[in-house]
Protein backbone atom coordinates (compact mmCIF):
# COMPACT_ATOMS: atom_id res chain seq x y z
CA UNK A 1 -15.72 -51.29 71.36
CA UNK A 2 -12.28 -50.33 70.32
CA UNK A 3 -9.39 -52.23 69.30
CA UNK A 4 -7.50 -50.38 71.85
CA UNK A 5 -9.93 -51.29 74.78
CA UNK A 6 -9.86 -54.52 76.83
CA UNK A 7 -13.24 -56.58 77.87
CA UNK A 8 -14.35 -56.45 80.32
CA UNK A 9 -12.39 -58.08 83.66
CA UNK A 10 -10.47 -60.44 81.32
CA UNK A 11 -7.43 -62.72 82.30
CA UNK A 12 -5.53 -62.80 78.44
CA UNK A 13 -6.27 -61.78 75.32
CA UNK A 14 -4.08 -60.53 72.12
CA UNK A 15 -6.01 -59.46 68.60
CA UNK A 16 -4.23 -59.57 65.70
CA UNK A 17 -0.96 -60.25 66.74
CA UNK A 18 2.18 -60.40 64.02
CA UNK A 19 5.76 -60.35 64.33
CA UNK A 20 8.11 -61.42 61.62
CA UNK A 21 11.84 -62.02 61.83
CA UNK A 22 14.23 -60.70 59.33
CA UNK A 23 16.57 -63.81 58.36
CA UNK A 24 19.94 -64.10 58.77
CA UNK A 25 21.69 -63.31 55.74
CA UNK A 26 24.57 -60.80 54.14
CA UNK A 27 21.42 -59.35 51.05
CA UNK A 28 19.84 -55.99 52.85
CA UNK A 29 16.93 -57.31 50.75
CA UNK A 30 16.25 -61.00 51.79
CA UNK A 31 12.67 -61.39 52.79
CA UNK A 32 11.29 -61.45 56.48
CA UNK A 33 10.01 -65.19 58.05
CA UNK A 34 6.29 -63.98 59.31
CA UNK A 35 6.79 -66.23 62.51
CA UNK A 36 2.93 -65.13 63.58
CA UNK A 37 0.48 -63.68 61.43
CA UNK A 38 -2.64 -62.38 62.86
CA UNK A 39 -3.30 -64.26 66.47
CA UNK A 40 -6.20 -64.00 67.79
CA UNK A 41 -6.53 -65.75 71.62
CA UNK A 42 -8.37 -65.57 74.52
CA UNK A 43 -8.87 -66.79 77.76
CA UNK A 44 -11.50 -65.42 79.95
CA UNK A 45 -10.63 -67.82 83.92
CA UNK A 46 -7.72 -69.42 85.66
CA UNK A 47 -7.02 -72.73 84.50
CA UNK A 48 -4.64 -74.96 82.96
CA UNK A 49 -4.56 -74.42 78.86
CA UNK A 50 -3.07 -75.81 76.21
CA UNK A 51 -0.93 -74.58 73.00
CA UNK A 52 -0.51 -77.08 70.69
CA UNK A 53 1.22 -77.31 67.03
CA UNK A 54 4.02 -78.16 65.00
CA UNK A 55 7.75 -76.85 64.30
CA UNK A 56 7.77 -74.11 62.95
CA UNK A 57 3.49 -73.24 63.88
CA UNK A 58 5.23 -70.09 65.97
CA UNK A 59 4.48 -71.15 69.40
CA UNK A 60 7.71 -70.74 70.99
CA UNK A 61 7.49 -67.05 69.34
CA UNK A 62 4.11 -66.53 70.69
CA UNK A 63 5.05 -67.54 74.17
CA UNK A 64 7.92 -64.82 74.20
CA UNK A 65 5.73 -62.14 73.75
CA UNK A 66 3.34 -63.34 76.39
CA UNK A 67 6.63 -63.36 78.62
CA UNK A 68 7.71 -59.62 77.21
CA UNK A 69 10.74 -60.77 76.23
CA UNK A 70 9.48 -59.89 72.78
CA UNK A 71 7.03 -57.09 71.11
CA UNK A 72 4.72 -57.34 68.55
CA UNK A 73 5.12 -55.79 65.30
CA UNK A 74 1.08 -55.28 65.20
CA UNK A 75 -1.81 -55.95 67.37
CA UNK A 76 -2.11 -56.15 71.05
CA UNK A 77 -1.18 -58.26 74.56
CA UNK A 78 -3.74 -57.90 77.37
CA UNK A 79 -2.57 -59.69 80.92
CA UNK A 80 -5.37 -59.02 83.53
CA UNK A 81 -5.97 -56.26 81.63
CA UNK A 82 -2.92 -54.80 81.06
CA UNK A 83 -1.99 -53.34 78.09
CA UNK A 84 1.72 -55.65 77.50
CA UNK A 85 2.14 -54.47 73.89
CA UNK A 86 2.54 -50.44 75.10
CA UNK A 87 4.42 -51.01 77.90
CA UNK A 88 8.03 -49.47 78.68
CA UNK A 89 10.42 -51.31 78.16
CA UNK A 90 11.60 -50.69 82.19
CA UNK A 91 7.96 -51.58 82.38
CA UNK A 92 8.44 -54.74 81.23
CA UNK A 93 10.94 -55.86 82.81
CA UNK A 94 8.45 -55.23 86.20
CA UNK A 95 5.89 -57.27 83.91
CA UNK A 96 8.50 -60.25 83.92
CA UNK A 97 9.57 -60.19 87.23
CA UNK A 98 6.29 -59.69 89.00
CA UNK A 99 2.87 -60.71 86.79
CA UNK A 100 4.11 -63.64 84.34
CA UNK A 101 6.46 -67.10 85.89
CA UNK A 102 8.23 -68.22 83.31
CA UNK A 103 8.62 -72.47 83.32
CA UNK A 104 11.73 -73.65 81.41
CA UNK A 105 12.09 -76.88 79.63
CA UNK A 106 16.05 -76.36 81.31
CA UNK A 107 14.80 -75.68 84.54
CA UNK A 108 17.18 -72.62 84.63
CA UNK A 109 18.25 -72.95 87.86
CA UNK A 110 21.42 -71.67 89.36
CA UNK A 111 23.97 -74.15 90.21
CA UNK A 112 25.85 -72.68 93.01
CA UNK A 113 22.20 -72.19 95.31
CA UNK A 114 19.98 -74.22 96.71
CA UNK A 115 15.98 -74.95 96.15
CA UNK A 116 15.18 -71.61 98.57
CA UNK A 117 17.30 -69.70 97.12
CA UNK A 118 16.68 -70.04 93.43
CA UNK A 119 12.89 -69.94 94.61
CA UNK A 120 13.54 -66.41 96.23
CA UNK A 121 15.52 -65.12 93.69
CA UNK A 122 13.39 -62.52 91.49
CA UNK A 123 12.80 -61.50 94.80
CA UNK A 124 15.99 -60.35 95.78
CA UNK A 125 16.22 -58.55 92.44
CA UNK A 126 13.39 -56.90 92.59
CA UNK A 127 15.16 -55.80 96.65
CA UNK A 128 11.70 -57.26 98.87
CA UNK A 129 13.05 -57.67 102.03
CA UNK A 130 14.99 -60.93 103.39
CA UNK A 131 13.20 -63.02 105.96
CA UNK A 132 9.35 -62.10 104.23
CA UNK A 133 11.26 -63.59 101.14
CA UNK A 134 12.32 -66.54 102.44
CA UNK A 135 9.47 -67.01 104.53
CA UNK A 136 7.23 -66.64 101.39
CA UNK A 137 9.60 -69.16 99.80
CA UNK A 138 10.05 -71.98 101.95
CA UNK A 139 5.74 -71.62 102.14
CA UNK A 140 5.62 -72.55 98.33
CA UNK A 141 8.20 -75.38 98.58
CA UNK A 142 6.29 -76.89 101.35
CA UNK A 143 2.84 -76.29 99.48
CA UNK A 144 5.02 -78.15 96.83
CA UNK A 145 6.21 -81.46 98.51
CA UNK A 146 9.94 -79.94 98.91
CA UNK A 147 10.05 -79.09 102.82
CA UNK A 148 13.22 -81.66 103.08
CA UNK A 149 14.63 -80.45 100.19
CA UNK A 150 14.76 -76.68 100.16
CA UNK A 151 17.87 -76.45 101.54
CA UNK A 152 19.81 -79.20 98.19
CA UNK A 153 21.09 -77.48 95.67
CA UNK A 154 20.04 -78.24 92.08
CA UNK A 155 23.22 -81.29 91.24
CA UNK A 156 20.95 -83.20 94.30
CA UNK A 157 17.50 -82.78 93.19
CA UNK A 158 15.93 -85.15 90.68
CA UNK A 159 14.17 -83.79 87.96
CA UNK A 160 11.36 -83.73 88.62
CA UNK A 161 12.09 -82.00 91.69
CA UNK A 162 14.12 -79.57 90.26
CA UNK A 163 11.32 -78.83 87.96
CA UNK A 164 8.99 -77.97 91.17
CA UNK A 165 11.50 -75.78 91.88
CA UNK A 166 11.17 -74.01 88.50
CA UNK A 167 7.08 -74.11 89.64
CA UNK A 168 8.20 -72.78 93.29
CA UNK A 169 9.83 -69.70 91.57
CA UNK A 170 7.80 -68.77 89.48
CA UNK A 171 4.40 -68.32 91.68
CA UNK A 172 7.28 -66.50 94.15
CA UNK A 173 5.34 -62.97 92.90
CA UNK A 174 1.59 -64.53 92.84
CA UNK A 175 1.45 -63.98 89.03
CA UNK A 176 -1.69 -63.50 86.77
CA UNK A 177 0.28 -65.88 84.06
CA UNK A 178 2.55 -69.17 84.38
CA UNK A 179 3.47 -69.58 80.95
CA UNK A 180 5.82 -73.13 80.66
CA UNK A 181 7.72 -74.29 77.92
CA UNK A 182 7.44 -77.77 76.85
CA UNK A 183 7.80 -78.39 80.74
CA UNK A 184 8.20 -81.96 80.36
CA UNK A 185 10.56 -82.38 77.70
CA UNK A 186 13.63 -83.54 80.09
CA UNK A 187 11.75 -85.46 82.26
CA UNK A 188 10.75 -89.40 82.52
CA UNK A 189 7.09 -90.42 82.02
CA UNK A 190 6.57 -90.40 85.24
CA UNK A 191 7.57 -86.92 86.95
CA UNK A 192 5.68 -85.69 82.95
CA UNK A 193 2.62 -87.39 84.45
CA UNK A 194 3.31 -85.93 87.89
CA UNK A 195 3.60 -82.42 86.71
CA UNK A 196 0.85 -82.48 84.69
CA UNK A 197 -1.01 -82.92 87.77
CA UNK A 198 0.59 -80.42 89.31
CA UNK A 199 0.74 -78.07 86.91
CA UNK A 200 -3.46 -78.33 86.85
CA UNK A 201 -3.59 -78.23 90.34
CA UNK A 202 -1.66 -75.15 90.44
CA UNK A 203 -3.76 -72.82 88.34
CA UNK A 204 -6.84 -74.38 90.29
CA UNK A 205 -5.47 -73.27 93.68
CA UNK A 206 -4.21 -69.88 92.86
CA UNK A 207 -6.81 -68.72 90.76
CA UNK A 208 -4.09 -67.92 87.65
CA UNK A 209 -4.00 -68.84 84.12
CA UNK A 210 -0.91 -71.54 83.43
CA UNK A 211 -0.21 -71.68 80.02
CA UNK A 212 1.39 -74.38 78.54
CA UNK A 213 3.40 -74.75 75.15
CA UNK A 214 3.72 -79.01 74.24
CA UNK A 215 3.39 -81.04 71.08
CA UNK A 216 2.58 -84.55 73.56
CA UNK A 217 -0.80 -85.05 73.02
CA UNK A 218 -0.68 -86.92 76.65
CA UNK A 219 0.23 -83.19 78.22
CA UNK A 220 -3.04 -81.48 76.91
CA UNK A 221 -5.22 -84.60 77.88
CA UNK A 222 -4.22 -82.47 80.63
CA UNK A 223 -5.28 -79.24 79.94
CA UNK A 224 -9.27 -78.23 80.06
CA UNK A 225 -8.86 -76.29 76.56
CA UNK A 226 -6.02 -76.80 73.40
CA UNK A 227 -5.63 -74.19 71.19
CA UNK A 228 -3.85 -75.07 67.82
CA UNK A 229 -1.58 -73.43 65.90
CA UNK A 230 -0.56 -73.54 62.47
CA UNK A 231 1.85 -71.52 60.16
CA UNK A 232 1.49 -68.57 62.82
CA UNK A 233 -2.72 -68.40 63.43
CA UNK A 234 -4.68 -69.92 65.89
CA UNK A 235 -6.33 -73.30 63.87
CA UNK A 236 -9.18 -73.38 66.26
CA UNK A 237 -9.43 -74.21 69.87
CA UNK A 238 -11.88 -77.74 71.56
CA UNK A 239 -12.46 -78.89 75.53
CA UNK A 240 -9.55 -81.07 75.54
CA UNK A 241 -10.15 -81.83 79.63
CA UNK A 242 -11.22 -86.54 79.63
CA UNK A 243 -10.14 -86.72 76.38
CA UNK A 244 -7.21 -89.59 75.84
CA UNK A 245 -4.52 -88.60 74.03
CA UNK A 246 -5.63 -90.65 70.94
CA UNK A 247 -8.99 -88.65 70.89
CA UNK A 248 -6.56 -85.69 71.22
CA UNK A 249 -4.45 -85.78 68.22
CA UNK A 250 -7.24 -86.70 66.24
CA UNK A 251 -9.22 -83.41 66.99
CA UNK A 252 -6.25 -81.69 66.75
CA UNK A 253 -5.01 -83.15 63.23
CA UNK A 254 -8.52 -82.38 62.04
CA UNK A 255 -8.23 -78.41 63.38
CA UNK A 256 -4.51 -78.38 61.85
CA UNK A 257 -5.89 -80.28 58.30
CA UNK A 258 -9.53 -78.19 58.50
CA UNK A 259 -7.88 -74.40 58.96
C-alpha cells in the first residue's frame, strides 16, 4: 500500500501529520513551534471518541486540521475516503460546510436568529431550497427535544439548549464527522452530563464519528475510545467506555508518562 492510498473503507485516518507555527517575533530567524510532530491516528467505525492531552499537546491544532480550517505542513488526512490534505481552497469551503460538523465551546449562534434559523444557516449559505431546509431543520430540532424552542433566540435559551442548537446545525448536512471542541466548557454539571449522553446517542443514531477534544476524564468516560496526545504525538489509545473517571484519568496519565 502506498502512502497516498487510503485504507479500505476508512472513516478517519491521519498519517504522519506535522504542523509548525512561527512565533510572533521581530526576528525573521525565530524558530518555529512544532504543534504536531508526526501524528498517526485511525478510526474505522462510527462512534463517540475522545482526544485528551495537556494544554499545548496539540489538541486544538489537530481539530483545526480535521475541520479544514488549516493545512498540515506534511502528512495525510483522510475522511470517508476523501483526501482533505489535498483539497483546493474552494473544495475545502464545501468540505467545511457539508462534510464536517463543528460544535464549539462558545456555541457560535447568531443572536439575531432564532434556533431554527441558526440551524439552517449553513444551508442558506449553500443556497439550498428554503422549504426543504426549514423541514430538515425542524426535524433535527424535534429529534433533539427542541420542538417548542425552535423560534426562540439564543438569549431565551439555556446553555444546554443553545448547545443542542449547535448540534442541530452540525447535523444539517448529515456529515461523516462531527468535531466537538470542549463542548461543555460553558455548561453546568447536569447540562454537561446530558450533552455527553446526547453526543453518544447522536453518533449511534446517525452512524457518524463524533470526535471530542476534552481535558475532563468524566467526559471521556462517555466515549468508546480515548486517544492521548502528548508533545504533538499520539501517546496511545484505550477503550474507555465503562471506565469510571478515576480509572480513566489514571490510565491516561500512565500512557502519557510512559510514552
